[in-house]
Amino acid sequence: MPLCPPMAIEMRREGLLVDAATCTGCTKCIAPCPVGALSMVANPLVAARA
């Protein structure tokens, strides 16, 4: 998606797919989302790797 600088969001038939390994957590995708479908939540899998 163009509003995602690292290009971590992909539009698929089933909906949006966010690649957690690519997402930087910049939150630039949240405000422009026309339906409020995006939010930043903790990912326990990422936290476990840290």
PDB file of N, CA and C in Angstrom:
ATOM      1  N   MET A   1       0.856  -1.181   0.000  1.00  0.00           N
ATOM      2  CA  MET A   1       0.000   0.000   0.000  1.00  0.00           C
ATOM      3  C   MET A   1       0.901   1.243   0.000  1.00  0.00           C
ATOM      4  N   PRO A   2       0.498   2.272  -0.734  1.00  0.00           N
ATOM      5  CA  PRO A   2       1.355   3.453  -0.868  1.00  0.00           C
ATOM      6  C   PRO A   2       1.580   4.232   0.426  1.00  0.00           C
ATOM      7  N   LEU A   3       0.707   4.091   1.415  1.00  0.00           N
ATOM      8  CA  LEU A   3       0.870   4.839   2.656  1.00  0.00           C
ATOM      9  C   LEU A   3       1.769   4.128   3.656  1.00  0.00           C
ATOM     10  N   CYS A   4       2.366   3.031   3.250  1.00  0.00           N
ATOM     11  CA  CYS A   4       3.247   2.268   4.125  1.00  0.00           C
ATOM     12  C   CYS A   4       4.675   2.397   3.596  1.00  0.00           C
ATOM     13  N   PRO A   5       5.510   3.246   4.236  1.00  0.00           N
ATOM     14  CA  PRO A   5       6.876   3.446   3.740  1.00  0.00           C
ATOM     15  C   PRO A   5       7.678   2.157   3.564  1.00  0.00           C
ATOM     16  N   PRO A   6       7.625   1.192   4.514  1.00  0.00           N
ATOM     17  CA  PRO A   6       8.412  -0.028   4.289  1.00  0.00           C
ATOM     18  C   PRO A   6       7.682  -1.063   3.417  1.00  0.00           C
ATOM     19  N   MET A   7       6.499  -0.698   2.929  1.00  0.00           N
ATOM     20  CA  MET A   7       5.712  -1.597   2.071  1.00  0.00           C
ATOM     21  C   MET A   7       5.364  -2.911   2.775  1.00  0.00           C
ATOM     22  N   ALA A   8       4.934  -2.829   4.025  1.00  0.00           N
ATOM     23  CA  ALA A   8       4.608  -4.003   4.824  1.00  0.00           C
ATOM     24  C   ALA A   8       3.150  -4.434   4.681  1.00  0.00           C
ATOM     25  N   ILE A   9       2.321  -3.615   4.022  1.00  0.00           N
ATOM     26  CA  ILE A   9       0.894  -3.926   3.889  1.00  0.00           C
ATOM     27  C   ILE A   9       0.593  -4.323   2.459  1.00  0.00           C
ATOM     28  N   GLU A  10      -0.115  -5.430   2.333  1.00  0.00           N
ATOM     29  CA  GLU A  10      -0.486  -5.924   1.010  1.00  0.00           C
ATOM     30  C   GLU A  10      -1.992  -6.149   0.967  1.00  0.00           C
ATOM     31  N   MET A  11      -2.624  -5.687  -0.101  1.00  0.00           N
ATOM     32  CA  MET A  11      -4.061  -5.902  -0.259  1.00  0.00           C
ATOM     33  C   MET A  11      -4.260  -7.241  -0.958  1.00  0.00           C
ATOM     34  N   ARG A  12      -5.019  -8.092  -0.315  1.00  0.00           N
ATOM     35  CA  ARG A  12      -5.341  -9.398  -0.888  1.00  0.00           C
ATOM     36  C   ARG A  12      -6.848  -9.535  -0.992  1.00  0.00           C
ATOM     37  N   ARG A  13      -7.277 -10.549  -1.653  1.00  0.00           N
ATOM     38  CA  ARG A  13      -8.715 -10.795  -1.785  1.00  0.00           C
ATOM     39  C   ARG A  13      -9.412 -10.898  -0.435  1.00  0.00           C
ATOM     40  N   GLU A  14      -8.729 -11.527   0.510  1.00  0.00           N
ATOM     41  CA  GLU A  14      -9.301 -11.732   1.845  1.00  0.00           C
ATOM     42  C   GLU A  14      -9.254 -10.479   2.710  1.00  0.00           C
ATOM     43  N   GLY A  15      -8.479  -9.497   2.307  1.00  0.00           N
ATOM     44  CA  GLY A  15      -8.326  -8.268   3.076  1.00  0.00           C
ATOM     45  C   GLY A  15      -6.867  -7.863   3.135  1.00  0.00           C
ATOM     46  N   LEU A  16      -6.544  -7.002   4.074  1.00  0.00           N
ATOM     47  CA  LEU A  16      -5.172  -6.520   4.215  1.00  0.00           C
ATOM     48  C   LEU A  16      -4.309  -7.553   4.927  1.00  0.00           C
ATOM     49  N   LEU A  17      -3.081  -7.666   4.469  1.00  0.00           N
ATOM     50  CA  LEU A  17      -2.109  -8.536   5.111  1.00  0.00           C
ATOM     51  C   LEU A  17      -0.928  -7.669   5.507  1.00  0.00           C
ATOM     52  N   VAL A  18      -0.592  -7.688   6.800  1.00  0.00           N
ATOM     53  CA  VAL A  18       0.543  -6.917   7.291  1.00  0.00           C
ATOM     54  C   VAL A  18       1.677  -7.886   7.597  1.00  0.00           C
ATOM     55  N   ASP A  19       2.817  -7.645   6.986  1.00  0.00           N
ATOM     56  CA  ASP A  19       3.997  -8.466   7.219  1.00  0.00           C
ATOM     57  C   ASP A  19       4.701  -7.936   8.468  1.00  0.00           C
ATOM     58  N   ALA A  20       4.572  -8.664   9.573  1.00  0.00           N
ATOM     59  CA  ALA A  20       5.130  -8.216  10.851  1.00  0.00           C
ATOM     60  C   ALA A  20       6.647  -8.085  10.801  1.00  0.00           C
ATOM     61  N   ALA A  21       7.304  -8.864   9.975  1.00  0.00           N
ATOM     62  CA  ALA A  21       8.760  -8.797   9.873  1.00  0.00           C
ATOM     63  C   ALA A  21       9.220  -7.528   9.161  1.00  0.00           C
ATOM     64  N   THR A  22       8.370  -6.962   8.311  1.00  0.00           N
ATOM     65  CA  THR A  22       8.711  -5.767   7.549  1.00  0.00           C
ATOM     66  C   THR A  22       8.200  -4.489   8.208  1.00  0.00           C
ATOM     67  N   CYS A  23       7.092  -4.578   8.943  1.00  0.00           N
ATOM     68  CA  CYS A  23       6.481  -3.407   9.582  1.00  0.00           C
ATOM     69  C   CYS A  23       7.445  -2.789  10.590  1.00  0.00           C
ATOM     70  N   THR A  24       7.611  -1.462  10.501  1.00  0.00           N
ATOM     71  CA  THR A  24       8.504  -0.751  11.419  1.00  0.00           C
ATOM     72  C   THR A  24       7.745  -0.123  12.588  1.00  0.00           C
ATOM     73  N   GLY A  25       6.420  -0.176  12.548  1.00  0.00           N
ATOM     74  CA  GLY A  25       5.623   0.411  13.613  1.00  0.00           C
ATOM     75  C   GLY A  25       5.516   1.915  13.531  1.00  0.00           C
ATOM     76  N   CYS A  26       5.705   2.479  12.350  1.00  0.00           N
ATOM     77  CA  CYS A  26       5.695   3.941  12.188  1.00  0.00           C
ATOM     78  C   CYS A  26       4.303   4.547  12.349  1.00  0.00           C
ATOM     79  N   THR A  27       3.264   3.787  12.227  1.00  0.00           N
ATOM     80  CA  THR A  27       1.844   4.177  12.356  1.00  0.00           C
ATOM     81  C   THR A  27       1.347   5.132  11.268  1.00  0.00           C
ATOM     82  N   LYS A  28       2.104   5.334  10.186  1.00  0.00           N
ATOM     83  CA  LYS A  28       1.677   6.239   9.120  1.00  0.00           C
ATOM     84  C   LYS A  28       0.465   5.717   8.357  1.00  0.00           C
ATOM     85  N   CYS A  29       0.106   4.469   8.532  1.00  0.00           N
ATOM     86  CA  CYS A  29      -1.032   3.870   7.838  1.00  0.00           C
ATOM     87  C   CYS A  29      -2.347   4.094   8.581  1.00  0.00           C
ATOM     88  N   ILE A  30      -2.294   4.375   9.871  1.00  0.00           N
ATOM     89  CA  ILE A  30      -3.502   4.397  10.698  1.00  0.00           C
ATOM     90  C   ILE A  30      -4.422   5.568  10.378  1.00  0.00           C
ATOM     91  N   ALA A  31      -3.947   6.785  10.435  1.00  0.00           N
ATOM     92  CA  ALA A  31      -4.798   7.965  10.215  1.00  0.00           C
ATOM     93  C   ALA A  31      -5.437   8.008   8.831  1.00  0.00           C
ATOM     94  N   PRO A  32      -4.726   7.678   7.754  1.00  0.00           N
ATOM     95  CA  PRO A  32      -5.331   7.768   6.421  1.00  0.00           C
ATOM     96  C   PRO A  32      -6.343   6.659   6.097  1.00  0.00           C
ATOM     97  N   CYS A  33      -6.416   5.615   6.902  1.00  0.00           N
ATOM     98  CA  CYS A  33      -7.326   4.508   6.607  1.00  0.00           C
ATOM     99  C   CYS A  33      -8.764   5.018   6.616  1.00  0.00           C
ATOM    100  N   PRO A  34      -9.477   4.949   5.474  1.00  0.00           N
ATOM    101  CA  PRO A  34     -10.808   5.547   5.377  1.00  0.00           C
ATOM    102  C   PRO A  34     -11.873   4.851   6.215  1.00  0.00           C
ATOM    103  N   VAL A  35     -11.641   3.636   6.638  1.00  0.00           N
ATOM    104  CA  VAL A  35     -12.661   2.923   7.420  1.00  0.00           C
ATOM    105  C   VAL A  35     -12.198   2.599   8.835  1.00  0.00           C
ATOM    106  N   GLY A  36     -11.039   3.099   9.230  1.00  0.00           N
ATOM    107  CA  GLY A  36     -10.539   2.872  10.586  1.00  0.00           C
ATOM    108  C   GLY A  36     -10.209   1.415  10.868  1.00  0.00           C
ATOM    109  N   ALA A  37      -9.792   0.694   9.845  1.00  0.00           N
ATOM    110  CA  ALA A  37      -9.536  -0.739   9.990  1.00  0.00           C
ATOM    111  C   ALA A  37      -8.164  -1.053  10.575  1.00  0.00           C
ATOM    112  N   LEU A  38      -7.287  -0.070  10.642  1.00  0.00           N
ATOM    113  CA  LEU A  38      -5.928  -0.335  11.113  1.00  0.00           C
ATOM    114  C   LEU A  38      -5.702   0.253  12.499  1.00  0.00           C
ATOM    115  N   SER A  39      -4.982  -0.485  13.318  1.00  0.00           N
ATOM    116  CA  SER A  39      -4.571   0.008  14.631  1.00  0.00           C
ATOM    117  C   SER A  39      -3.258  -0.672  14.980  1.00  0.00           C
ATOM    118  N   MET A  40      -2.543  -0.122  15.913  1.00  0.00           N
ATOM    119  CA  MET A  40      -1.268  -0.687  16.330  1.00  0.00           C
ATOM    120  C   MET A  40      -1.530  -1.511  17.587  1.00  0.00           C
ATOM    121  N   VAL A  41      -1.178  -2.775  17.534  1.00  0.00           N
ATOM    122  CA  VAL A  41      -1.341  -3.658  18.686  1.00  0.00           C
ATOM    123  C   VAL A  41      -0.020  -4.381  18.923  1.00  0.00           C
ATOM    124  N   ALA A  42       0.191  -4.806  20.152  1.00  0.00           N
ATOM    125  CA  ALA A  42       1.407  -5.557  20.480  1.00  0.00           C
ATOM    126  C   ALA A  42       1.333  -6.933  19.825  1.00  0.00           C
ATOM    127  N   ASN A  43       2.448  -7.352  19.289  1.00  0.00           N
ATOM    128  CA  ASN A  43       2.544  -8.669  18.684  1.00  0.00           C
ATOM    129  C   ASN A  43       3.382  -9.539  19.616  1.00  0.00           C
ATOM    130  N   PRO A  44       2.763 -10.492  20.308  1.00  0.00           N
ATOM    131  CA  PRO A  44       3.515 -11.297  21.273  1.00  0.00           C
ATOM    132  C   PRO A  44       4.640 -12.109  20.632  1.00  0.00           C
ATOM    133  N   LEU A  45       4.506 -12.475  19.363  1.00  0.00           N
ATOM    134  CA  LEU A  45       5.562 -13.218  18.679  1.00  0.00           C
ATOM    135  C   LEU A  45       6.805 -12.366  18.480  1.00  0.00           C
ATOM    136  N   VAL A  46       6.606 -11.090  18.171  1.00  0.00           N
ATOM    137  CA  VAL A  46       7.734 -10.169  17.991  1.00  0.00           C
ATOM    138  C   VAL A  46       8.371  -9.877  19.342  1.00  0.00           C
ATOM    139  N   ALA A  47       7.560  -9.669  20.371  1.00  0.00           N
ATOM    140  CA  ALA A  47       8.072  -9.368  21.714  1.00  0.00           C
ATOM    141  C   ALA A  47       8.898 -10.543  22.246  1.00  0.00           C
ATOM    142  N   ALA A  48       8.520 -11.759  21.915  1.00  0.00           N
ATOM    143  CA  ALA A  48       9.232 -12.935  22.398  1.00  0.00           C
ATOM    144  C   ALA A  48      10.618 -13.058  21.776  1.00  0.00           C
ATOM    145  N   ARG A  49      10.793 -12.513  20.563  1.00  0.00           N
ATOM    146  CA  ARG A  49      12.091 -12.577  19.885  1.00  0.00           C
ATOM    147  C   ARG A  49      13.068 -11.546  20.419  1.00  0.00           C
ATOM    148  N   ALA A  50      12.556 -10.494  21.038  1.00  0.00           N
ATOM    149  CA  ALA A  50      13.414  -9.378  21.491  1.00  0.00           C
ATOM    150  C   ALA A  50      14.232  -9.720  22.704  1.00  0.00           C
TER     151      ALA A  50
END
